[in-house]
């Protein structure tokens, strides 16, 4: 087994790349994967999407949210 000081530049870069890939994979795992939404919540989200698509409602800007919530 080589130590870091014995690695070539390319081997060291590969080691860093592989380590980053492992860490990112751990961080980006979706903890909600495989879970489903309650039917009522899914229905409400669908209604919101339909109202936005029809122009009945529009998304709020961050300024509007701050103004409403204080």
PDB file of N, CA and C in Angstrom:
ATOM      1  N   UNK A   1       0.843  -1.183   0.000  1.00  0.00           N
ATOM      2  CA  UNK A   1       0.000   0.000   0.000  1.00  0.00           C
ATOM      3  C   UNK A   1       0.887   1.244   0.000  1.00  0.00           C
ATOM      4  N   UNK A   2       0.573   2.162  -0.919  1.00  0.00           N
ATOM      5  CA  UNK A   2       1.339   3.407  -1.026  1.00  0.00           C
ATOM      6  C   UNK A   2       0.865   4.413   0.009  1.00  0.00           C
ATOM      7  N   UNK A   3       1.776   5.248   0.436  1.00  0.00           N
ATOM      8  CA  UNK A   3       1.381   6.386   1.260  1.00  0.00           C
ATOM      9  C   UNK A   3       1.181   7.568   0.324  1.00  0.00           C
ATOM     10  N   UNK A   4       0.587   8.623   0.823  1.00  0.00           N
ATOM     11  CA  UNK A   4       0.312   9.796  -0.016  1.00  0.00           C
ATOM     12  C   UNK A   4       1.593  10.337  -0.629  1.00  0.00           C
ATOM     13  N   UNK A   5       2.668  10.333   0.131  1.00  0.00           N
ATOM     14  CA  UNK A   5       3.927  10.881  -0.397  1.00  0.00           C
ATOM     15  C   UNK A   5       4.471  10.062  -1.559  1.00  0.00           C
ATOM     16  N   UNK A   6       4.024   8.792  -1.694  1.00  0.00           N
ATOM     17  CA  UNK A   6       4.501   7.935  -2.775  1.00  0.00           C
ATOM     18  C   UNK A   6       3.632   8.008  -4.033  1.00  0.00           C
ATOM     19  N   UNK A   7       2.510   8.713  -3.962  1.00  0.00           N
ATOM     20  CA  UNK A   7       1.601   8.799  -5.104  1.00  0.00           C
ATOM     21  C   UNK A   7       2.125   9.767  -6.151  1.00  0.00           C
ATOM     22  N   UNK A   8       1.804   9.452  -7.406  1.00  0.00           N
ATOM     23  CA  UNK A   8       2.089  10.406  -8.472  1.00  0.00           C
ATOM     24  C   UNK A   8       1.019  11.492  -8.410  1.00  0.00           C
ATOM     25  N   UNK A   9       1.220  12.553  -9.130  1.00  0.00           N
ATOM     26  CA  UNK A   9       0.220  13.629  -9.159  1.00  0.00           C
ATOM     27  C   UNK A   9      -1.113  13.097  -9.670  1.00  0.00           C
ATOM     28  N   UNK A  10      -1.078  12.293 -10.740  1.00  0.00           N
ATOM     29  CA  UNK A  10      -2.322  11.741 -11.289  1.00  0.00           C
ATOM     30  C   UNK A  10      -3.009  10.809 -10.292  1.00  0.00           C
ATOM     31  N   UNK A  11      -2.246   9.990  -9.582  1.00  0.00           N
ATOM     32  CA  UNK A  11      -2.830   9.104  -8.579  1.00  0.00           C
ATOM     33  C   UNK A  11      -3.442   9.911  -7.433  1.00  0.00           C
ATOM     34  N   UNK A  12      -2.762  10.978  -7.035  1.00  0.00           N
ATOM     35  CA  UNK A  12      -3.269  11.833  -5.967  1.00  0.00           C
ATOM     36  C   UNK A  12      -4.562  12.522  -6.395  1.00  0.00           C
ATOM     37  N   UNK A  13      -4.591  13.025  -7.637  1.00  0.00           N
ATOM     38  CA  UNK A  13      -5.808  13.653  -8.154  1.00  0.00           C
ATOM     39  C   UNK A  13      -6.959  12.654  -8.179  1.00  0.00           C
ATOM     40  N   UNK A  14      -6.670  11.424  -8.603  1.00  0.00           N
ATOM     41  CA  UNK A  14      -7.698  10.387  -8.654  1.00  0.00           C
ATOM     42  C   UNK A  14      -8.217  10.076  -7.246  1.00  0.00           C
ATOM     43  N   UNK A  15      -7.323  10.017  -6.285  1.00  0.00           N
ATOM     44  CA  UNK A  15      -7.714   9.777  -4.900  1.00  0.00           C
ATOM     45  C   UNK A  15      -8.650  10.877  -4.402  1.00  0.00           C
ATOM     46  N   UNK A  16      -8.306  12.112  -4.689  1.00  0.00           N
ATOM     47  CA  UNK A  16      -9.149  13.243  -4.283  1.00  0.00           C
ATOM     48  C   UNK A  16     -10.501  13.166  -4.976  1.00  0.00           C
ATOM     49  N   UNK A  17     -10.485  12.883  -6.277  1.00  0.00           N
ATOM     50  CA  UNK A  17     -11.727  12.800  -7.051  1.00  0.00           C
ATOM     51  C   UNK A  17     -12.646  11.710  -6.479  1.00  0.00           C
ATOM     52  N   UNK A  18     -12.072  10.542  -6.201  1.00  0.00           N
ATOM     53  CA  UNK A  18     -12.870   9.434  -5.674  1.00  0.00           C
ATOM     54  C   UNK A  18     -13.419   9.758  -4.285  1.00  0.00           C
ATOM     55  N   UNK A  19     -12.602  10.408  -3.466  1.00  0.00           N
ATOM     56  CA  UNK A  19     -13.045  10.790  -2.126  1.00  0.00           C
ATOM     57  C   UNK A  19     -14.186  11.798  -2.201  1.00  0.00           C
ATOM     58  N   UNK A  20     -14.054  12.791  -3.074  1.00  0.00           N
ATOM     59  CA  UNK A  20     -15.125  13.781  -3.249  1.00  0.00           C
ATOM     60  C   UNK A  20     -16.409  13.123  -3.729  1.00  0.00           C
ATOM     61  N   UNK A  21     -16.290  12.194  -4.672  1.00  0.00           N
ATOM     62  CA  UNK A  21     -17.471  11.504  -5.193  1.00  0.00           C
ATOM     63  C   UNK A  21     -18.181  10.747  -4.073  1.00  0.00           C
ATOM     64  N   UNK A  22     -17.418  10.084  -3.215  1.00  0.00           N
ATOM     65  CA  UNK A  22     -18.014   9.354  -2.096  1.00  0.00           C
ATOM     66  C   UNK A  22     -18.731  10.297  -1.134  1.00  0.00           C
ATOM     67  N   UNK A  23     -18.086  11.396  -0.789  1.00  0.00           N
ATOM     68  CA  UNK A  23     -18.672  12.357   0.150  1.00  0.00           C
ATOM     69  C   UNK A  23     -19.930  12.983  -0.441  1.00  0.00           C
ATOM     70  N   UNK A  24     -19.873  13.384  -1.708  1.00  0.00           N
ATOM     71  CA  UNK A  24     -21.051  13.981  -2.348  1.00  0.00           C
ATOM     72  C   UNK A  24     -22.209  12.998  -2.405  1.00  0.00           C
ATOM     73  N   UNK A  25     -21.901  11.746  -2.688  1.00  0.00           N
ATOM     74  CA  UNK A  25     -22.954  10.735  -2.738  1.00  0.00           C
ATOM     75  C   UNK A  25     -23.606  10.589  -1.365  1.00  0.00           C
ATOM     76  N   UNK A  26     -22.812  10.604  -0.304  1.00  0.00           N
ATOM     77  CA  UNK A  26     -23.365  10.512   1.048  1.00  0.00           C
ATOM     78  C   UNK A  26     -24.241  11.720   1.369  1.00  0.00           C
ATOM     79  N   UNK A  27     -23.797  12.899   0.966  1.00  0.00           N
ATOM     80  CA  UNK A  27     -24.525  14.133   1.269  1.00  0.00           C
ATOM     81  C   UNK A  27     -25.824  14.217   0.475  1.00  0.00           C
ATOM     82  N   UNK A  28     -25.789  13.791  -0.778  1.00  0.00           N
ATOM     83  CA  UNK A  28     -26.922  13.999  -1.676  1.00  0.00           C
ATOM     84  C   UNK A  28     -27.953  12.880  -1.658  1.00  0.00           C
ATOM     85  N   UNK A  29     -27.780  11.898  -0.788  1.00  0.00           N
ATOM     86  CA  UNK A  29     -28.755  10.816  -0.712  1.00  0.00           C
ATOM     87  C   UNK A  29     -30.096  11.400  -0.267  1.00  0.00           C
ATOM     88  N   UNK A  30     -31.140  11.038  -0.971  1.00  0.00           N
ATOM     89  CA  UNK A  30     -32.482  11.541  -0.670  1.00  0.00           C
ATOM     90  C   UNK A  30     -33.091  10.707   0.454  1.00  0.00           C
ATOM     91  N   UNK A  31     -33.205  11.292   1.628  1.00  0.00           N
ATOM     92  CA  UNK A  31     -33.749  10.562   2.776  1.00  0.00           C
ATOM     93  C   UNK A  31     -35.244  10.265   2.615  1.00  0.00           C
ATOM     94  N   UNK A  32     -35.898  10.930   1.680  1.00  0.00           N
ATOM     95  CA  UNK A  32     -37.325  10.704   1.444  1.00  0.00           C
ATOM     96  C   UNK A  32     -37.581   9.728   0.297  1.00  0.00           C
ATOM     97  N   UNK A  33     -36.516   9.180  -0.256  1.00  0.00           N
ATOM     98  CA  UNK A  33     -36.667   8.258  -1.384  1.00  0.00           C
ATOM     99  C   UNK A  33     -37.510   7.057  -0.954  1.00  0.00           C
ATOM    100  N   UNK A  34     -38.456   6.707  -1.789  1.00  0.00           N
ATOM    101  CA  UNK A  34     -39.313   5.570  -1.514  1.00  0.00           C
ATOM    102  C   UNK A  34     -40.541   5.907  -0.678  1.00  0.00           C
ATOM    103  N   UNK A  35     -40.579   7.092  -0.119  1.00  0.00           N
ATOM    104  CA  UNK A  35     -41.735   7.496   0.671  1.00  0.00           C
ATOM    105  C   UNK A  35     -42.747   8.160  -0.253  1.00  0.00           C
ATOM    106  N   UNK A  36     -44.003   8.112   0.129  1.00  0.00           N
ATOM    107  CA  UNK A  36     -45.023   8.732  -0.715  1.00  0.00           C
ATOM    108  C   UNK A  36     -45.737   9.839   0.063  1.00  0.00           C
ATOM    109  N   UNK A  37     -46.350  10.731  -0.699  1.00  0.00           N
ATOM    110  CA  UNK A  37     -47.105  11.832  -0.105  1.00  0.00           C
ATOM    111  C   UNK A  37     -48.492  11.350   0.283  1.00  0.00           C
ATOM    112  N   UNK A  38     -49.038  11.968   1.317  1.00  0.00           N
ATOM    113  CA  UNK A  38     -50.424  11.677   1.671  1.00  0.00           C
ATOM    114  C   UNK A  38     -51.294  12.151   0.515  1.00  0.00           C
ATOM    115  N   UNK A  39     -52.344  11.404   0.181  1.00  0.00           N
ATOM    116  CA  UNK A  39     -53.202  11.782  -0.948  1.00  0.00           C
ATOM    117  C   UNK A  39     -53.741  13.206  -0.843  1.00  0.00           C
ATOM    118  N   UNK A  40     -54.098  13.640   0.366  1.00  0.00           N
ATOM    119  CA  UNK A  40     -54.649  14.986   0.541  1.00  0.00           C
ATOM    120  C   UNK A  40     -53.605  16.051   0.199  1.00  0.00           C
ATOM    121  N   UNK A  41     -52.377  15.816   0.621  1.00  0.00           N
ATOM    122  CA  UNK A  41     -51.305  16.772   0.362  1.00  0.00           C
ATOM    123  C   UNK A  41     -50.982  16.812  -1.128  1.00  0.00           C
ATOM    124  N   UNK A  42     -50.933  15.639  -1.748  1.00  0.00           N
ATOM    125  CA  UNK A  42     -50.668  15.561  -3.184  1.00  0.00           C
ATOM    126  C   UNK A  42     -51.761  16.289  -3.969  1.00  0.00           C
ATOM    127  N   UNK A  43     -53.005  16.125  -3.546  1.00  0.00           N
ATOM    128  CA  UNK A  43     -54.135  16.794  -4.207  1.00  0.00           C
ATOM    129  C   UNK A  43     -54.018  18.314  -4.083  1.00  0.00           C
ATOM    130  N   UNK A  44     -53.633  18.789  -2.896  1.00  0.00           N
ATOM    131  CA  UNK A  44     -53.478  20.228  -2.678  1.00  0.00           C
ATOM    132  C   UNK A  44     -52.360  20.786  -3.559  1.00  0.00           C
ATOM    133  N   UNK A  45     -51.245  20.063  -3.665  1.00  0.00           N
ATOM    134  CA  UNK A  45     -50.149  20.503  -4.536  1.00  0.00           C
ATOM    135  C   UNK A  45     -50.592  20.565  -5.995  1.00  0.00           C
ATOM    136  N   UNK A  46     -51.389  19.584  -6.412  1.00  0.00           N
ATOM    137  CA  UNK A  46     -51.902  19.569  -7.783  1.00  0.00           C
ATOM    138  C   UNK A  46     -52.799  20.773  -8.035  1.00  0.00           C
ATOM    139  N   UNK A  47     -53.651  21.111  -7.069  1.00  0.00           N
ATOM    140  CA  UNK A  47     -54.526  22.281  -7.213  1.00  0.00           C
ATOM    141  C   UNK A  47     -53.707  23.568  -7.323  1.00  0.00           C
ATOM    142  N   UNK A  48     -52.675  23.691  -6.508  1.00  0.00           N
ATOM    143  CA  UNK A  48     -51.812  24.879  -6.554  1.00  0.00           C
ATOM    144  C   UNK A  48     -51.153  24.990  -7.923  1.00  0.00           C
ATOM    145  N   UNK A  49     -50.642  23.877  -8.425  1.00  0.00           N
ATOM    146  CA  UNK A  49     -49.994  23.880  -9.742  1.00  0.00           C
ATOM    147  C   UNK A  49     -50.977  24.293 -10.829  1.00  0.00           C
ATOM    148  N   UNK A  50     -52.198  23.776 -10.760  1.00  0.00           N
ATOM    149  CA  UNK A  50     -53.212  24.111 -11.764  1.00  0.00           C
ATOM    150  C   UNK A  50     -53.588  25.592 -11.705  1.00  0.00           C
ATOM    151  N   UNK A  51     -53.728  26.143 -10.484  1.00  0.00           N
ATOM    152  CA  UNK A  51     -54.057  27.572 -10.352  1.00  0.00           C
ATOM    153  C   UNK A  51     -52.934  28.441 -10.917  1.00  0.00           C
ATOM    154  N   UNK A  52     -51.699  28.057 -10.667  1.00  0.00           N
ATOM    155  CA  UNK A  52     -50.572  28.834 -11.206  1.00  0.00           C
ATOM    156  C   UNK A  52     -50.518  28.733 -12.726  1.00  0.00           C
ATOM    157  N   UNK A  53     -50.765  27.536 -13.255  1.00  0.00           N
ATOM    158  CA  UNK A  53     -50.727  27.341 -14.706  1.00  0.00           C
ATOM    159  C   UNK A  53     -51.819  28.143 -15.399  1.00  0.00           C
ATOM    160  N   UNK A  54     -52.965  28.298 -14.740  1.00  0.00           N
ATOM    161  CA  UNK A  54     -54.075  29.041 -15.341  1.00  0.00           C
ATOM    162  C   UNK A  54     -53.923  30.546 -15.158  1.00  0.00           C
ATOM    163  N   UNK A  55     -52.938  30.961 -14.365  1.00  0.00           N
ATOM    164  CA  UNK A  55     -52.736  32.381 -14.118  1.00  0.00           C
ATOM    165  C   UNK A  55     -53.573  32.918 -12.978  1.00  0.00           C
ATOM    166  N   UNK A  56     -54.328  32.031 -12.337  1.00  0.00           N
ATOM    167  CA  UNK A  56     -55.184  32.441 -11.218  1.00  0.00           C
ATOM    168  C   UNK A  56     -54.347  32.959 -10.043  1.00  0.00           C
ATOM    169  N   UNK A  57     -53.207  32.347  -9.821  1.00  0.00           N
ATOM    170  CA  UNK A  57     -52.288  32.807  -8.770  1.00  0.00           C
ATOM    171  C   UNK A  57     -50.881  32.884  -9.352  1.00  0.00           C
ATOM    172  N   UNK A  58     -50.040  33.661  -8.712  1.00  0.00           N
ATOM    173  CA  UNK A  58     -48.642  33.765  -9.136  1.00  0.00           C
ATOM    174  C   UNK A  58     -47.746  33.577  -7.921  1.00  0.00           C
ATOM    175  N   UNK A  59     -46.528  33.095  -8.149  1.00  0.00           N
ATOM    176  CA  UNK A  59     -45.600  32.933  -7.027  1.00  0.00           C
ATOM    177  C   UNK A  59     -45.284  34.289  -6.394  1.00  0.00           C
ATOM    178  N   UNK A  60     -45.048  34.294  -5.104  1.00  0.00           N
ATOM    179  CA  UNK A  60     -44.689  35.523  -4.398  1.00  0.00           C
ATOM    180  C   UNK A  60     -43.183  35.750  -4.478  1.00  0.00           C
ATOM    181  N   UNK A  61     -42.805  37.005  -4.572  1.00  0.00           N
ATOM    182  CA  UNK A  61     -41.384  37.337  -4.514  1.00  0.00           C
ATOM    183  C   UNK A  61     -40.943  37.276  -3.055  1.00  0.00           C
ATOM    184  N   UNK A  62     -39.652  37.233  -2.824  1.00  0.00           N
ATOM    185  CA  UNK A  62     -39.158  37.211  -1.448  1.00  0.00           C
ATOM    186  C   UNK A  62     -39.580  38.473  -0.704  1.00  0.00           C
ATOM    187  N   UNK A  63     -39.644  39.603  -1.408  1.00  0.00           N
ATOM    188  CA  UNK A  63     -40.068  40.850  -0.779  1.00  0.00           C
ATOM    189  C   UNK A  63     -41.522  40.760  -0.311  1.00  0.00           C
ATOM    190  N   UNK A  64     -42.378  40.136  -1.137  1.00  0.00           N
ATOM    191  CA  UNK A  64     -43.786  39.989  -0.767  1.00  0.00           C
ATOM    192  C   UNK A  64     -43.945  39.068   0.447  1.00  0.00           C
ATOM    193  N   UNK A  65     -43.150  38.014   0.488  1.00  0.00           N
ATOM    194  CA  UNK A  65     -43.211  37.092   1.625  1.00  0.00           C
ATOM    195  C   UNK A  65     -42.802  37.814   2.900  1.00  0.00           C
ATOM    196  N   UNK A  66     -41.716  38.577   2.830  1.00  0.00           N
ATOM    197  CA  UNK A  66     -41.238  39.332   3.996  1.00  0.00           C
ATOM    198  C   UNK A  66     -42.293  40.336   4.450  1.00  0.00           C
ATOM    199  N   UNK A  67     -42.919  41.019   3.483  1.00  0.00           N
ATOM    200  CA  UNK A  67     -43.944  42.007   3.823  1.00  0.00           C
ATOM    201  C   UNK A  67     -45.140  41.346   4.515  1.00  0.00           C
ATOM    202  N   UNK A  68     -45.520  40.154   4.052  1.00  0.00           N
ATOM    203  CA  UNK A  68     -46.672  39.474   4.640  1.00  0.00           C
ATOM    204  C   UNK A  68     -46.357  38.862   6.003  1.00  0.00           C
ATOM    205  N   UNK A  69     -45.156  38.313   6.129  1.00  0.00           N
ATOM    206  CA  UNK A  69     -44.816  37.602   7.361  1.00  0.00           C
ATOM    207  C   UNK A  69     -44.082  38.458   8.383  1.00  0.00           C
ATOM    208  N   UNK A  70     -43.572  39.599   7.900  1.00  0.00           N
ATOM    209  CA  UNK A  70     -42.885  40.507   8.822  1.00  0.00           C
ATOM    210  C   UNK A  70     -41.506  40.140   8.991  1.00  0.00           C
TER     211      UNK A  70
END
